Amino acid sequence: MADSFDVVVIGGGPGGYIAAIRAAQLGMTVACVEKEKTLGGTCTNVGCIPSKALLHASHMYEEAQTGFAGFGISTGKVSIDVAKLIAAKADIVSGNVKGIDFLFKKNKIERVLGKGRIAAAGKVAVTGEGGERMLDAKNIIIATGSEVMPLAGVEVDEKRIVTSTGALDMTKVPKHLIVIGGGYIGLEMGMVWRRLGAEVTVVEYLDSILPNMDGEIAKTMDRLLRKKGFKIRTGLKVTGAKTTKSGAAITVEPAKGGDAETIEGDIVLLSIGRRPYTAGLGLEDVGVKLDERGRIEIDDHFRTSVPGIYAIGDCVRGAMLAHKAEDEGGVCAEIIAGQAGHIDYDAIPAVVYTWPEAATVGKTEEELKKAGVAYKVGKFPFSANGRARTMHEGDGFVKILADAKTDRVLGCHIIGPDAGTMIAEVALGMEFGAAAEDIARTCHAHPTLNEAVREAALAVDGRALNM
């Protein structure tokens, strides 16, 4: 095997493997270093893919229990074998991992198993079962991703006190799941186990769940989750967690001060976010600078402070999203190849895969107000959308924010059925600098959920047709 490459990628997650594939497509020799036995990173193995498998299955289970009857469909008593569900999830993950392996072979990318360390500019030392191997690299791309953010006083054992990794592998439905953190991951995992029969309590330090989303979306999601049986407690600081004879418990106190209390359950899920994973990379030794939050500093072309070393994905600034990392990986490879590459970070969508889903792209109302930007709002409820009515899915709405002077779309926020799919047309429009009128004058098939997007665009000008 050769030990000299045009590009060595450290990390085989979404950002890393896409960077490797794109670099290979552009004619470069590529090696990808990954310490885990499977490629795909957190997303494929213990994140996006397995969680969506459980969300899909639990949604079908819930529909069979409560949704079918509204259409005259009788199934009798419905049961679920959680162990088989987890096994099915594992099969789905395995299929995705094998797909990445195939893509590496197809593109002649050398997969190097072991932990990578930058020994010097242009040199990556890989420590594996067979000892250490030194790779020479004209260019190095760091794509090491992120890890679960710890919380003082909460010691994870992945049995009673778990992260999302443990929450994806439980073979028994807990009676009471306590979720620390009201963000994307916590709400999605809470949704899975609530559908399967668990009591779910979400504890959030801030005054609102989904604090980074549009405020109106967050409030609506809070209301709809409570309607589904979630107990949501905001403004609480978790001071500790411990296992008990019957399960686990957390101690909390009001974030603004007050008396402490204990909340008892079977399982505690720690889900307060993620932090860049850069341990053991040797960054300080070679002079790669980090910012105040431990992220690798980069310029607009993903270049670090050391020539020939680039960084992408969760370990750099920006949202920790798999698709953001993928885009950065592809563009970074193109820049290394001498091409022009660019990402519009205002046009990167984010989705919460509960049901209803919540999706966002661009600026929120809160951000526009803070920046002093004059804007117009167009809203349309799914209760007035014909397709949503046929599905008995009238909860939620589409909201489009447009510049008051130019009508250019500045943001879109959706809560409702298939919001994660619908947000794509607005993201595409924003990439092309679309005005709300452009979306409003685009013919949408009837009956579709996406008509709600068009109606919201019409509403920006005060002329929604079906409301």
Protein backbone atom coordinates (compact mmCIF):
# COMPACT_ATOMS: atom_id res chain seq x y z
CA MET A 1 0.00 0.00 0.00
CA ALA A 2 1.20 3.50 -0.81
CA ASP A 3 2.02 5.84 2.05
CA SER A 4 1.88 9.08 0.06
CA PHE A 5 -1.38 10.79 -0.92
CA ASP A 6 -2.67 14.02 -2.37
CA VAL A 7 -5.27 14.18 0.40
CA VAL A 8 -5.50 12.45 3.77
CA VAL A 9 -8.85 12.88 5.51
CA ILE A 10 -8.97 12.31 9.27
CA GLY A 11 -12.49 11.13 10.12
CA GLY A 12 -14.93 8.98 8.18
CA GLY A 13 -18.20 10.66 9.08
CA PRO A 14 -20.48 12.57 6.67
CA GLY A 15 -18.01 15.42 6.19
CA GLY A 16 -14.97 13.18 5.95
CA TYR A 17 -16.26 10.52 3.61
CA ILE A 18 -17.83 13.06 1.26
CA ALA A 19 -14.57 15.03 1.21
CA ALA A 20 -12.71 11.83 0.37
CA ILE A 21 -15.12 10.86 -2.41
CA ARG A 22 -15.14 14.32 -3.98
CA ALA A 23 -11.34 14.55 -3.86
CA ALA A 24 -11.11 11.14 -5.56
CA GLN A 25 -13.61 12.22 -8.21
CA LEU A 26 -11.34 15.17 -8.94
CA GLY A 27 -8.43 12.85 -9.66
CA MET A 28 -6.56 13.01 -6.38
CA THR A 29 -5.12 10.05 -4.47
CA VAL A 30 -6.96 9.81 -1.18
CA ALA A 31 -6.74 8.03 2.16
CA CYS A 32 -9.36 8.29 4.90
CA VAL A 33 -8.33 7.59 8.50
CA GLU A 34 -11.09 6.41 10.85
CA LYS A 35 -10.61 5.02 14.36
CA GLU A 36 -13.90 3.11 14.42
CA LYS A 37 -14.33 -0.17 12.56
CA THR A 38 -17.24 1.20 10.56
CA LEU A 39 -17.37 4.31 8.39
CA GLY A 40 -20.15 6.87 8.59
CA GLY A 41 -19.33 8.51 11.90
CA THR A 42 -21.87 9.43 14.56
CA CYS A 43 -24.55 10.22 11.96
CA THR A 44 -24.67 6.80 10.32
CA ASN A 45 -23.85 4.63 13.32
CA VAL A 46 -25.37 6.25 16.41
CA GLY A 47 -27.14 9.39 15.20
CA CYS A 48 -29.19 10.46 12.19
CA ILE A 49 -29.80 7.10 10.54
CA PRO A 50 -30.66 4.87 13.53
CA SER A 51 -32.74 7.58 15.19
CA LYS A 52 -34.82 8.09 12.05
CA ALA A 53 -35.35 4.33 11.79
CA LEU A 54 -36.80 4.33 15.31
CA LEU A 55 -38.80 7.48 14.67
CA HIS A 56 -40.34 5.96 11.54
CA ALA A 57 -41.18 2.65 13.21
CA SER A 58 -42.61 4.26 16.34
CA HIS A 59 -44.69 6.62 14.18
CA MET A 60 -46.22 3.64 12.36
CA TYR A 61 -46.91 1.97 15.70
CA GLU A 62 -48.62 5.08 17.02
CA GLU A 63 -50.68 5.46 13.85
CA ALA A 64 -51.85 1.85 14.07
CA GLN A 65 -52.89 2.44 17.67
CA THR A 66 -54.63 5.78 17.34
CA GLY A 67 -54.55 7.12 13.78
CA PHE A 68 -56.05 4.36 11.69
CA ALA A 69 -59.42 4.42 13.43
CA GLY A 70 -60.14 7.89 12.07
CA PHE A 71 -60.14 6.39 8.57
CA GLY A 72 -62.27 3.39 9.49
CA ILE A 73 -59.33 0.99 9.68
CA SER A 74 -59.51 -1.53 12.51
CA THR A 75 -56.41 -3.53 13.40
CA GLY A 76 -57.29 -4.94 16.78
CA LYS A 77 -54.71 -4.86 19.55
CA VAL A 78 -51.30 -3.75 18.32
CA SER A 79 -48.10 -4.84 20.03
CA ILE A 80 -44.41 -4.19 19.46
CA ASP A 81 -41.31 -6.31 20.00
CA VAL A 82 -38.72 -3.72 21.00
CA ALA A 83 -35.82 -6.16 20.65
CA LYS A 84 -36.81 -6.85 17.03
CA LEU A 85 -37.22 -3.12 16.44
CA ILE A 86 -33.67 -2.50 17.67
CA ALA A 87 -32.41 -5.38 15.50
CA ALA A 88 -34.14 -3.88 12.45
CA LYS A 89 -32.51 -0.55 13.23
CA ALA A 90 -29.12 -2.28 13.36
CA ASP A 91 -29.74 -3.85 9.94
CA ILE A 92 -30.55 -0.44 8.47
CA VAL A 93 -27.35 1.02 9.90
CA SER A 94 -25.35 -1.94 8.55
CA GLY A 95 -26.77 -1.39 5.07
CA ASN A 96 -25.75 2.27 5.11
CA VAL A 97 -22.25 1.45 6.37
CA LYS A 98 -21.79 -1.13 3.61
CA GLY A 99 -22.89 1.50 1.12
CA ILE A 100 -20.07 3.81 2.20
CA ASP A 101 -17.58 0.93 2.00
CA PHE A 102 -18.74 0.33 -1.58
CA LEU A 103 -18.29 4.00 -2.47
CA PHE A 104 -14.73 3.96 -1.12
CA LYS A 105 -13.86 0.93 -3.24
CA LYS A 106 -15.58 2.43 -6.29
CA ASN A 107 -13.57 5.64 -5.95
CA LYS A 108 -10.30 3.87 -5.04
CA ILE A 109 -10.04 5.52 -1.63
CA GLU A 110 -7.74 3.80 0.84
CA ARG A 111 -9.48 3.23 4.15
CA VAL A 112 -6.97 3.33 7.04
CA LEU A 113 -8.22 1.90 10.34
CA GLY A 114 -6.75 3.60 13.38
CA LYS A 115 -6.51 6.88 15.28
CA GLY A 116 -4.98 9.68 13.28
CA ARG A 117 -2.58 12.28 14.64
CA ILE A 118 -0.93 15.12 12.73
CA ALA A 119 2.76 14.52 13.36
CA ALA A 120 3.82 17.52 11.30
CA ALA A 121 2.59 19.54 8.36
CA GLY A 122 2.08 16.99 5.61
CA LYS A 123 2.37 13.95 7.88
CA VAL A 124 -0.37 11.90 9.56
CA ALA A 125 0.58 9.16 12.02
CA VAL A 126 -2.05 6.41 12.32
CA THR A 127 -2.04 4.19 15.39
CA GLY A 128 -3.90 0.92 14.93
CA GLU A 129 -3.78 -2.73 15.89
CA GLY A 130 -0.68 -3.28 13.76
CA GLY A 131 1.27 -0.41 15.31
CA GLU A 132 1.92 3.00 13.79
CA ARG A 133 1.87 3.90 10.10
CA MET A 134 3.03 7.26 8.77
CA LEU A 135 1.15 8.81 5.84
CA ASP A 136 2.58 11.62 3.73
CA ALA A 137 -0.08 14.08 2.62
CA LYS A 138 0.07 17.08 0.35
CA ASN A 139 -3.17 18.17 2.00
CA ILE A 140 -4.84 17.13 5.27
CA ILE A 141 -8.55 17.54 5.96
CA ILE A 142 -9.62 17.29 9.61
CA ALA A 143 -13.17 15.95 9.82
CA THR A 144 -13.27 14.47 13.31
CA GLY A 145 -16.78 15.63 14.18
CA SER A 146 -18.12 16.06 17.69
CA GLU A 147 -18.90 14.23 20.89
CA VAL A 148 -21.65 14.44 23.51
CA MET A 149 -21.39 17.50 25.74
CA PRO A 150 -20.87 16.40 29.36
CA LEU A 151 -22.68 17.94 32.31
CA ALA A 152 -21.18 18.36 35.75
CA GLY A 153 -22.73 15.96 38.24
CA VAL A 154 -24.10 13.64 35.55
CA GLU A 155 -22.00 10.53 34.99
CA VAL A 156 -23.05 8.49 31.97
CA ASP A 157 -23.03 4.68 32.17
CA GLU A 158 -25.13 4.06 28.99
CA LYS A 159 -27.42 1.83 31.06
CA ARG A 160 -29.45 4.00 33.41
CA ILE A 161 -27.89 7.37 32.60
CA VAL A 162 -27.47 7.41 28.84
CA THR A 163 -26.58 9.57 25.88
CA SER A 164 -28.34 9.26 22.54
CA THR A 165 -26.13 6.20 21.89
CA GLY A 166 -27.69 4.32 24.80
CA ALA A 167 -31.17 5.65 24.04
CA LEU A 168 -30.94 4.06 20.58
CA ASP A 169 -30.19 0.61 21.98
CA MET A 170 -32.71 0.14 24.78
CA THR A 171 -34.54 -3.16 24.36
CA LYS A 172 -37.21 -2.36 26.92
CA VAL A 173 -39.57 0.59 27.09
CA PRO A 174 -38.86 2.61 30.23
CA LYS A 175 -41.79 3.57 32.41
CA HIS A 176 -40.41 7.08 32.81
CA LEU A 177 -37.71 8.63 30.62
CA ILE A 178 -36.17 11.88 31.85
CA VAL A 179 -34.59 13.93 29.09
CA ILE A 180 -32.02 16.56 30.06
CA GLY A 181 -32.14 19.12 27.27
CA GLY A 182 -34.96 20.37 25.05
CA GLY A 183 -33.07 20.42 21.77
CA TYR A 184 -33.36 18.38 18.58
CA ILE A 185 -31.89 15.10 19.83
CA GLY A 186 -33.64 15.05 23.18
CA LEU A 187 -37.07 15.73 21.68
CA GLU A 188 -36.61 13.11 18.94
CA MET A 189 -35.54 10.41 21.39
CA GLY A 190 -38.32 11.45 23.74
CA MET A 191 -40.79 11.11 20.86
CA VAL A 192 -39.65 7.56 20.08
CA TRP A 193 -40.07 6.26 23.60
CA ARG A 194 -43.25 8.29 24.31
CA ARG A 195 -44.92 6.63 21.31
CA LEU A 196 -43.87 3.23 22.61
CA GLY A 197 -45.47 3.88 25.98
CA ALA A 198 -42.99 5.71 28.20
CA GLU A 199 -43.81 8.70 30.32
CA VAL A 200 -41.42 11.43 29.15
CA THR A 201 -40.27 14.47 31.10
CA VAL A 202 -38.10 17.04 29.32
CA VAL A 203 -36.01 19.34 31.51
CA GLU A 204 -34.57 22.44 29.81
CA TYR A 205 -32.29 25.06 31.37
CA LEU A 206 -33.55 27.91 29.18
CA ASP A 207 -37.08 29.31 29.14
CA SER A 208 -38.04 27.48 25.96
CA ILE A 209 -37.42 24.21 24.19
CA LEU A 210 -35.72 24.48 20.77
CA PRO A 211 -34.11 27.77 21.83
CA ASN A 212 -32.31 28.28 18.51
CA MET A 213 -35.44 28.00 16.40
CA ASP A 214 -37.99 30.68 15.57
CA GLY A 215 -39.83 31.51 18.79
CA GLU A 216 -43.29 30.89 17.35
CA ILE A 217 -42.21 27.46 16.11
CA ALA A 218 -40.78 26.61 19.54
CA LYS A 219 -43.98 27.66 21.33
CA THR A 220 -46.13 25.65 18.94
CA MET A 221 -43.91 22.59 19.33
CA ASP A 222 -44.15 22.91 23.12
CA ARG A 223 -47.93 22.96 22.93
CA LEU A 224 -48.18 20.02 20.53
CA LEU A 225 -45.74 17.87 22.50
CA ARG A 226 -47.69 18.50 25.70
CA LYS A 227 -50.81 17.47 23.78
CA LYS A 228 -49.04 14.18 23.01
CA GLY A 229 -48.33 13.58 26.69
CA PHE A 230 -44.88 15.10 27.15
CA LYS A 231 -44.15 16.80 30.45
CA ILE A 232 -41.97 19.82 29.64
CA ARG A 233 -40.26 21.80 32.36
CA THR A 234 -38.24 24.82 31.34
CA GLY A 235 -36.04 27.18 33.35
CA LEU A 236 -34.56 24.33 35.40
CA LYS A 237 -30.88 23.70 36.11
CA VAL A 238 -29.84 20.06 36.52
CA THR A 239 -27.34 19.83 39.37
CA GLY A 240 -26.82 16.07 39.41
CA ALA A 241 -27.98 12.62 38.37
CA LYS A 242 -27.60 9.24 40.02
CA THR A 243 -28.72 5.68 39.64
CA THR A 244 -31.16 4.28 42.18
CA LYS A 245 -32.45 0.84 43.08
CA SER A 246 -35.41 1.30 40.78
CA GLY A 247 -33.78 3.36 38.04
CA ALA A 248 -32.31 6.85 38.04
CA ALA A 249 -33.04 10.32 39.34
CA ILE A 250 -31.94 13.89 38.75
CA THR A 251 -31.76 16.87 41.08
CA VAL A 252 -32.87 20.22 39.72
CA GLU A 253 -33.30 23.78 40.85
CA PRO A 254 -34.78 26.85 39.16
CA ALA A 255 -32.22 28.43 36.82
CA LYS A 256 -32.98 31.82 38.35
CA GLY A 257 -32.63 30.51 41.89
CA GLY A 258 -34.92 28.62 44.26
CA ASP A 259 -35.50 25.35 46.05
CA ALA A 260 -34.04 22.10 44.74
CA GLU A 261 -36.15 19.03 43.94
CA THR A 262 -35.67 15.48 42.75
CA ILE A 263 -37.25 13.94 39.64
CA GLU A 264 -37.24 10.14 39.57
CA GLY A 265 -37.48 7.86 36.56
CA ASP A 266 -36.16 4.67 34.97
CA ILE A 267 -33.73 6.18 32.47
CA VAL A 268 -32.05 9.58 32.27
CA LEU A 269 -31.03 10.79 28.81
CA LEU A 270 -28.31 13.45 28.73
CA SER A 271 -28.85 15.55 25.61
CA ILE A 272 -27.58 19.10 26.10
CA GLY A 273 -25.65 19.33 22.84
CA ARG A 274 -22.29 18.33 21.40
CA ARG A 275 -18.73 19.69 21.41
CA PRO A 276 -15.92 19.47 18.85
CA TYR A 277 -13.87 16.28 19.00
CA THR A 278 -10.20 17.20 18.60
CA ALA A 279 -8.54 15.12 21.34
CA GLY A 280 -5.27 13.45 20.41
CA LEU A 281 -4.94 15.12 17.01
CA GLY A 282 -1.71 16.89 17.94
CA LEU A 283 -3.08 20.27 16.92
CA GLU A 284 -1.13 22.29 19.46
CA ASP A 285 2.13 20.58 18.48
CA VAL A 286 1.79 21.64 14.85
CA GLY A 287 0.32 25.07 15.53
CA VAL A 288 -3.33 24.62 14.51
CA LYS A 289 -5.29 27.26 16.41
CA LEU A 290 -8.57 26.72 18.27
CA ASP A 291 -11.16 29.33 19.17
CA GLU A 292 -12.60 30.03 22.62
CA ARG A 293 -15.12 27.19 22.22
CA GLY A 294 -12.55 24.57 21.29
CA ARG A 295 -13.37 24.65 17.57
CA ILE A 296 -10.66 24.64 14.95
CA GLU A 297 -10.22 28.12 13.50
CA ILE A 298 -10.62 28.30 9.73
CA ASP A 299 -10.89 30.98 7.06
CA ASP A 300 -13.58 31.12 4.38
CA HIS A 301 -11.78 28.38 2.44
CA PHE A 302 -11.53 25.93 5.38
CA ARG A 303 -7.82 26.63 5.79
CA THR A 304 -6.46 26.39 9.34
CA SER A 305 -3.55 28.42 10.67
CA VAL A 306 -1.14 25.84 9.18
CA PRO A 307 -0.75 25.73 5.37
CA GLY A 308 -1.96 22.47 3.85
CA ILE A 309 -4.22 21.62 6.79
CA TYR A 310 -7.97 22.13 6.39
CA ALA A 311 -10.92 21.47 8.73
CA ILE A 312 -14.65 20.95 8.20
CA GLY A 313 -17.85 19.82 9.92
CA ASP A 314 -18.67 19.74 13.61
CA CYS A 315 -15.11 20.55 14.68
CA VAL A 316 -15.31 24.03 13.10
CA ARG A 317 -17.71 26.96 13.45
CA GLY A 318 -21.34 26.72 12.41
CA ALA A 319 -24.25 24.40 12.99
CA MET A 320 -23.45 20.81 13.91
CA LEU A 321 -25.42 19.19 11.11
CA ALA A 322 -24.47 16.23 8.93
CA HIS A 323 -25.55 17.94 5.72
CA LYS A 324 -23.55 21.06 6.59
CA ALA A 325 -20.49 18.85 7.05
CA GLU A 326 -21.19 17.08 3.75
CA ASP A 327 -21.38 20.37 1.86
CA GLU A 328 -18.18 21.58 3.48
CA GLY A 329 -16.42 18.31 2.63
CA GLY A 330 -17.29 18.53 -1.04
CA VAL A 331 -16.46 22.22 -1.34
CA CYS A 332 -13.19 21.82 0.58
CA ALA A 333 -12.05 19.11 -1.86
CA GLU A 334 -12.95 21.37 -4.78
CA ILE A 335 -10.96 24.25 -3.31
CA ILE A 336 -7.93 21.99 -2.85
CA ALA A 337 -8.29 21.00 -6.52
CA GLY A 338 -8.13 24.67 -7.50
CA GLN A 339 -11.83 25.14 -8.17
CA ALA A 340 -14.08 27.87 -6.79
CA GLY A 341 -16.21 26.67 -3.90
CA HIS A 342 -18.79 28.47 -1.81
CA ILE A 343 -21.48 27.69 0.78
CA ASP A 344 -24.35 30.01 1.66
CA TYR A 345 -24.73 29.29 5.37
CA ASP A 346 -28.04 31.15 5.46
CA ALA A 347 -29.48 28.53 3.11
CA ILE A 348 -28.67 25.45 5.21
CA PRO A 349 -31.87 23.93 6.59
CA ALA A 350 -32.30 22.29 9.98
CA VAL A 351 -35.02 19.81 10.91
CA VAL A 352 -36.49 18.33 14.09
CA TYR A 353 -37.85 14.91 13.14
CA THR A 354 -40.63 14.69 15.71
CA TRP A 355 -44.21 14.60 14.46
CA PRO A 356 -45.19 17.11 13.49
CA GLU A 357 -41.74 17.95 12.18
CA ALA A 358 -40.18 21.37 12.55
CA ALA A 359 -37.90 22.78 9.87
CA THR A 360 -36.08 26.05 9.46
CA VAL A 361 -33.83 27.83 6.99
CA GLY A 362 -32.40 31.34 7.10
CA LYS A 363 -33.09 33.96 9.73
CA THR A 364 -35.64 33.81 12.53
CA GLU A 365 -37.86 36.74 13.46
CA GLU A 366 -35.80 37.19 16.62
CA GLU A 367 -32.58 37.47 14.60
CA LEU A 368 -34.07 39.98 12.16
CA LYS A 369 -35.44 42.14 14.96
CA LYS A 370 -32.07 42.10 16.74
CA ALA A 371 -30.30 43.11 13.51
CA GLY A 372 -32.82 45.89 12.85
CA VAL A 373 -33.89 44.43 9.49
CA ALA A 374 -37.30 45.53 8.22
CA TYR A 375 -39.25 42.46 7.13
CA LYS A 376 -42.70 41.17 6.19
CA VAL A 377 -44.32 37.95 7.41
CA GLY A 378 -46.50 35.53 5.48
CA LYS A 379 -48.17 32.66 7.35
CA PHE A 380 -50.45 29.85 6.29
CA PRO A 381 -51.92 27.10 8.54
CA PHE A 382 -52.03 23.43 7.56
CA SER A 383 -55.62 23.38 8.77
CA ALA A 384 -56.44 25.26 5.53
CA ASN A 385 -54.39 22.95 3.29
CA GLY A 386 -56.44 20.36 1.41
CA ARG A 387 -53.80 17.62 1.45
CA ALA A 388 -53.16 18.05 5.17
CA ARG A 389 -56.88 17.68 5.79
CA THR A 390 -56.97 14.42 3.86
CA MET A 391 -54.22 13.17 6.17
CA HIS A 392 -55.86 14.45 9.40
CA GLU A 393 -52.70 16.54 9.88
CA GLY A 394 -54.00 20.06 10.41
CA ASP A 395 -51.57 21.12 13.16
CA GLY A 396 -48.90 23.68 12.39
CA PHE A 397 -48.14 26.32 9.78
CA VAL A 398 -45.65 27.70 7.27
CA LYS A 399 -44.07 31.08 7.93
CA ILE A 400 -42.02 33.00 5.37
CA LEU A 401 -39.99 36.10 6.23
CA ALA A 402 -39.13 38.49 3.40
CA ASP A 403 -37.22 41.76 3.19
CA ALA A 404 -39.71 44.63 3.47
CA LYS A 405 -38.12 46.53 0.57
CA THR A 406 -36.80 43.91 -1.83
CA ASP A 407 -39.16 41.00 -1.02
CA ARG A 408 -36.13 38.68 -0.93
CA VAL A 409 -36.79 35.61 1.23
CA LEU A 410 -34.77 35.88 4.44
CA GLY A 411 -36.09 32.82 6.24
CA CYS A 412 -38.73 30.13 6.36
CA HIS A 413 -40.03 28.22 9.37
CA ILE A 414 -42.39 25.26 9.17
CA ILE A 415 -44.03 23.09 11.78
CA GLY A 416 -46.25 20.40 10.38
CA PRO A 417 -46.32 17.12 8.44
CA ASP A 418 -43.19 16.50 6.33
CA ALA A 419 -41.77 19.92 7.18
CA GLY A 420 -38.26 18.58 6.63
CA THR A 421 -39.06 17.78 3.00
CA MET A 422 -40.97 20.98 2.31
CA ILE A 423 -38.20 23.26 3.55
CA ALA A 424 -36.05 22.21 0.58
CA GLU A 425 -37.92 24.32 -1.97
CA VAL A 426 -37.36 27.45 0.09
CA ALA A 427 -33.68 26.59 0.64
CA LEU A 428 -33.32 26.23 -3.13
CA GLY A 429 -35.12 29.52 -3.66
CA MET A 430 -32.84 31.27 -1.19
CA GLU A 431 -29.76 29.90 -2.99
CA PHE A 432 -31.00 31.69 -6.09
CA GLY A 433 -31.96 34.87 -4.24
CA ALA A 434 -35.68 34.28 -4.65
CA ALA A 435 -38.30 36.81 -3.67
CA ALA A 436 -41.45 35.67 -1.90
CA GLU A 437 -43.28 36.58 -5.12
CA ASP A 438 -41.13 34.09 -7.05
CA ILE A 439 -42.42 31.27 -4.83
CA ALA A 440 -45.95 32.68 -4.93
CA ARG A 441 -45.98 32.70 -8.75
CA THR A 442 -44.59 29.17 -9.06
CA CYS A 443 -47.34 26.67 -9.85
CA HIS A 444 -47.57 23.97 -7.18
CA ALA A 445 -49.30 20.65 -7.78
CA HIS A 446 -52.68 20.17 -6.10
CA PRO A 447 -53.33 18.71 -3.63
CA THR A 448 -49.92 18.79 -1.94
CA LEU A 449 -48.57 19.93 1.39
CA ASN A 450 -46.21 22.25 -0.47
CA GLU A 451 -49.14 24.42 -1.47
CA ALA A 452 -48.93 25.74 2.08
CA VAL A 453 -45.49 27.12 1.22
CA ARG A 454 -46.92 28.92 -1.80
CA GLU A 455 -49.82 30.27 0.26
CA ALA A 456 -47.38 31.58 2.90
CA ALA A 457 -45.45 33.32 0.12
CA LEU A 458 -48.70 34.84 -1.14
CA ALA A 459 -49.49 35.91 2.41
CA VAL A 460 -46.29 37.98 2.54
CA ASP A 461 -48.11 40.32 0.15
CA GLY A 462 -51.40 39.90 1.99
CA ARG A 463 -53.04 37.80 -0.73
CA ALA A 464 -53.28 34.21 0.46
CA LEU A 465 -56.04 32.55 -1.57
CA ASN A 466 -57.29 29.81 0.73
CA MET A 467 -57.40 31.59 4.06
